[in-house]
Amino acid sequence: MSQACYTPPSSRAIRVEKGVPVSIDLQKISEVPQAFSEDLSLGIERLDPDIVAGTMEVHLEGRIIPMEEHHLIRGTFRASGPVLCTRCLSPIPWKGEGEFTVELRPPLTGREDEVELDSTELDVIFLEGSMLELEDLAAEQISLELPMRILCSPDCAGLCPRCGMNKNIEGACRCEPEIDPRWEALRSLGSS
């Protein structure tokens, strides 16, 4: 698969053929902010396969603003695609959108051990080299926007713990209801 590398000629928005990975060379954005606008398709492998059930269609746009020693991105995204119900694992449609501001900085150098980030560094992407992959940026923003608990309906019955069938589908689970052992003593009282 070919890869597109964008070289900004002016402050116009960029558009690249859908399906082609897009990289932006930040070294070529040194003085004038540059706009981008991309339609991307992100597969399950780019997101959390425990939450996402299929391809996410994403519209990502923003401005890359050169700063003294780093770049700042201010942007928005709209995404839609199938996600999995937390209880019954059925795919359901999801739509999300949001705004983001992210700093792009070179990695911390001179440290071999792990470094704890403070709250001001949580919106920072440390880049190896000067290439920004827009698919990586989109995947990160979607992952932050996805709810932790997704339900197909508030009264979702989930999966049967014995046979694994979806209890929302009538007739799918043929297991007898389990009797709570705490009530067994009462059952013996009724039979005497």
Protein backbone atom coordinates (compact mmCIF):
# COMPACT_ATOMS: atom_id res chain seq x y z
CA MET A 1 0.00 0.00 0.00
CA SER A 2 1.36 3.41 -0.89
CA GLN A 3 1.76 6.11 1.71
CA ALA A 4 1.02 9.77 1.10
CA CYS A 5 3.33 12.33 2.62
CA TYR A 6 1.92 15.81 2.64
CA THR A 7 4.17 18.75 1.88
CA PRO A 8 2.21 21.92 2.65
CA PRO A 9 2.43 24.52 -0.13
CA SER A 10 0.25 27.05 1.70
CA SER A 11 -2.30 27.29 4.48
CA ARG A 12 -4.97 25.53 2.38
CA ALA A 13 -6.66 22.42 3.75
CA ILE A 14 -5.32 19.12 2.45
CA ARG A 15 -7.30 16.19 1.11
CA VAL A 16 -5.82 12.86 0.14
CA GLU A 17 -7.41 9.85 -1.54
CA LYS A 18 -9.44 7.80 0.96
CA GLY A 19 -7.76 4.60 2.09
CA VAL A 20 -4.20 5.89 1.60
CA PRO A 21 -2.32 6.32 4.91
CA VAL A 22 -1.55 9.98 5.47
CA SER A 23 1.59 11.32 7.09
CA ILE A 24 2.37 14.97 7.62
CA ASP A 25 6.02 16.01 7.79
CA LEU A 26 6.16 18.48 10.67
CA GLN A 27 9.61 19.74 9.62
CA LYS A 28 7.92 21.38 6.64
CA ILE A 29 5.53 23.32 8.88
CA SER A 30 7.85 25.84 10.49
CA GLU A 31 6.16 29.25 10.34
CA VAL A 32 2.61 29.23 8.98
CA PRO A 33 -0.16 27.09 10.53
CA GLN A 34 -1.39 24.35 8.22
CA ALA A 35 -4.93 22.96 8.00
CA PHE A 36 -5.83 19.35 7.28
CA SER A 37 -9.10 17.60 6.55
CA GLU A 38 -9.22 13.82 6.18
CA ASP A 39 -11.76 11.04 5.82
CA LEU A 40 -10.28 7.85 7.26
CA SER A 41 -11.40 4.25 7.75
CA LEU A 42 -9.93 2.63 10.87
CA GLY A 43 -10.07 -1.15 11.24
CA ILE A 44 -10.53 -3.04 14.47
CA GLU A 45 -6.76 -3.61 14.69
CA ARG A 46 -6.25 0.17 15.12
CA LEU A 47 -8.74 0.36 18.02
CA ASP A 48 -9.80 -1.81 20.98
CA PRO A 49 -11.19 -5.13 19.59
CA ASP A 50 -12.97 -5.72 22.93
CA ILE A 51 -15.11 -2.62 22.25
CA VAL A 52 -15.13 -2.02 18.48
CA ALA A 53 -16.95 -4.53 16.24
CA GLY A 54 -15.99 -3.23 12.78
CA THR A 55 -14.52 -0.42 10.72
CA MET A 56 -14.87 3.11 12.09
CA GLU A 57 -15.41 5.88 9.55
CA VAL A 58 -13.74 9.06 10.77
CA HIS A 59 -13.65 12.65 9.58
CA LEU A 60 -10.64 14.39 11.14
CA GLU A 61 -9.79 18.03 10.63
CA GLY A 62 -7.69 20.63 12.33
CA ARG A 63 -4.79 23.04 12.24
CA ILE A 64 -1.16 22.35 12.98
CA ILE A 65 0.38 25.39 14.63
CA PRO A 66 4.18 25.62 14.78
CA MET A 67 5.52 26.69 18.20
CA GLU A 68 9.09 27.33 19.35
CA GLU A 69 10.17 23.74 20.03
CA HIS A 70 7.04 21.77 19.19
CA HIS A 71 3.74 21.84 17.28
CA LEU A 72 0.20 22.27 18.54
CA ILE A 73 -2.83 20.66 16.91
CA ARG A 74 -6.33 21.98 17.43
CA GLY A 75 -8.97 19.89 15.75
CA THR A 76 -12.28 18.09 15.66
CA PHE A 77 -13.40 14.62 14.68
CA ARG A 78 -16.62 12.80 13.85
CA ALA A 79 -16.67 9.01 13.94
CA SER A 80 -19.21 6.27 13.41
CA GLY A 81 -19.11 2.50 13.38
CA PRO A 82 -20.21 -0.64 15.20
CA VAL A 83 -19.32 -1.28 18.85
CA LEU A 84 -20.08 -4.23 21.13
CA CYS A 85 -22.68 -4.23 23.90
CA THR A 86 -20.86 -4.80 27.19
CA ARG A 87 -23.42 -7.36 28.39
CA CYS A 88 -24.54 -9.38 25.34
CA LEU A 89 -21.69 -8.65 22.90
CA SER A 90 -24.12 -7.73 20.10
CA PRO A 91 -22.85 -5.12 17.65
CA ILE A 92 -24.66 -1.78 17.87
CA PRO A 93 -24.12 1.47 15.92
CA TRP A 94 -22.13 4.23 17.62
CA LYS A 95 -21.45 7.85 16.70
CA GLY A 96 -19.12 10.21 18.46
CA GLU A 97 -17.56 13.57 17.94
CA GLY A 98 -15.25 15.84 19.82
CA GLU A 99 -12.69 18.59 19.88
CA PHE A 100 -9.08 18.12 20.84
CA THR A 101 -5.89 20.05 21.45
CA VAL A 102 -2.66 18.07 21.39
CA GLU A 103 0.99 19.07 21.65
CA LEU A 104 3.48 17.22 19.46
CA ARG A 105 6.91 17.04 21.09
CA PRO A 106 10.12 15.11 20.57
CA PRO A 107 10.61 12.23 23.05
CA LEU A 108 12.23 12.91 26.40
CA THR A 109 15.93 12.20 26.05
CA GLY A 110 18.65 11.24 28.47
CA ARG A 111 16.33 9.05 30.57
CA GLU A 112 16.49 5.26 30.46
CA ASP A 113 13.88 4.66 33.15
CA GLU A 114 10.16 5.40 33.08
CA VAL A 115 9.15 9.00 33.57
CA GLU A 116 5.94 9.98 35.32
CA LEU A 117 3.94 12.57 33.40
CA ASP A 118 2.11 15.33 35.19
CA SER A 119 -1.40 16.50 34.28
CA THR A 120 -0.08 19.17 31.89
CA GLU A 121 1.60 16.48 29.76
CA LEU A 122 -1.44 14.24 29.27
CA ASP A 123 -2.37 15.95 26.00
CA VAL A 124 1.11 15.48 24.57
CA ILE A 125 2.14 13.06 21.83
CA PHE A 126 5.86 12.30 21.90
CA LEU A 127 6.92 11.68 18.28
CA GLU A 128 9.94 9.74 17.11
CA GLY A 129 11.01 11.71 14.04
CA SER A 130 9.00 14.40 12.32
CA MET A 131 6.16 12.41 10.72
CA LEU A 132 2.65 12.67 12.15
CA GLU A 133 0.39 9.75 11.19
CA LEU A 134 -3.19 11.03 11.01
CA GLU A 135 -4.61 7.51 11.52
CA ASP A 136 -2.76 7.30 14.85
CA LEU A 137 -4.15 10.69 15.88
CA ALA A 138 -7.70 9.65 14.89
CA ALA A 139 -7.43 6.29 16.69
CA GLU A 140 -6.29 8.00 19.89
CA GLN A 141 -9.15 10.51 19.80
CA ILE A 142 -11.76 7.78 19.19
CA SER A 143 -10.34 5.64 22.01
CA LEU A 144 -10.66 8.59 24.38
CA GLU A 145 -14.26 9.25 23.27
CA LEU A 146 -15.62 5.68 23.40
CA PRO A 147 -17.74 5.07 26.51
CA MET A 148 -16.40 2.49 28.96
CA ARG A 149 -19.80 0.80 29.28
CA ILE A 150 -21.89 0.41 26.13
CA LEU A 151 -25.33 -1.19 26.29
CA CYS A 152 -27.63 -2.13 23.42
CA SER A 153 -30.53 -1.21 25.74
CA PRO A 154 -30.80 -0.32 29.44
CA ASP A 155 -32.58 -3.63 30.15
CA CYS A 156 -30.13 -5.85 28.25
CA ALA A 157 -30.23 -9.34 29.82
CA GLY A 158 -26.70 -10.22 28.70
CA LEU A 159 -25.31 -13.70 28.10
CA CYS A 160 -26.35 -16.85 29.94
CA PRO A 161 -23.50 -17.78 32.32
CA ARG A 162 -24.05 -21.51 31.64
CA CYS A 163 -24.58 -21.84 27.85
CA GLY A 164 -23.27 -18.44 26.67
CA MET A 165 -26.35 -17.66 24.57
CA ASN A 166 -27.77 -14.15 24.26
CA LYS A 167 -30.66 -13.97 26.74
CA ASN A 168 -32.21 -11.07 24.78
CA ILE A 169 -33.12 -13.45 21.93
CA GLU A 170 -36.25 -15.38 22.80
CA GLY A 171 -35.62 -19.11 22.82
CA ALA A 172 -31.84 -18.84 22.41
CA CYS A 173 -31.14 -19.96 26.00
CA ARG A 174 -32.92 -23.14 27.07
CA CYS A 175 -31.30 -23.40 30.50
CA GLU A 176 -33.55 -23.82 33.54
CA PRO A 177 -33.39 -20.83 35.87
CA GLU A 178 -31.00 -21.40 38.74
CA ILE A 179 -32.52 -21.39 42.20
CA ASP A 180 -30.65 -19.26 44.67
CA PRO A 181 -29.27 -21.70 47.31
CA ARG A 182 -30.15 -19.20 50.04
CA TRP A 183 -33.85 -19.97 49.40
CA GLU A 184 -33.47 -23.79 49.59
CA ALA A 185 -34.15 -23.76 53.37
CA LEU A 186 -37.50 -22.10 52.73
CA ARG A 187 -38.39 -24.69 50.07
CA SER A 188 -37.89 -27.50 52.60
CA LEU A 189 -40.29 -25.73 55.02
CA GLY A 190 -43.06 -25.74 52.40
CA SER A 191 -42.75 -29.49 51.73
CA SER A 192 -43.24 -30.57 55.36
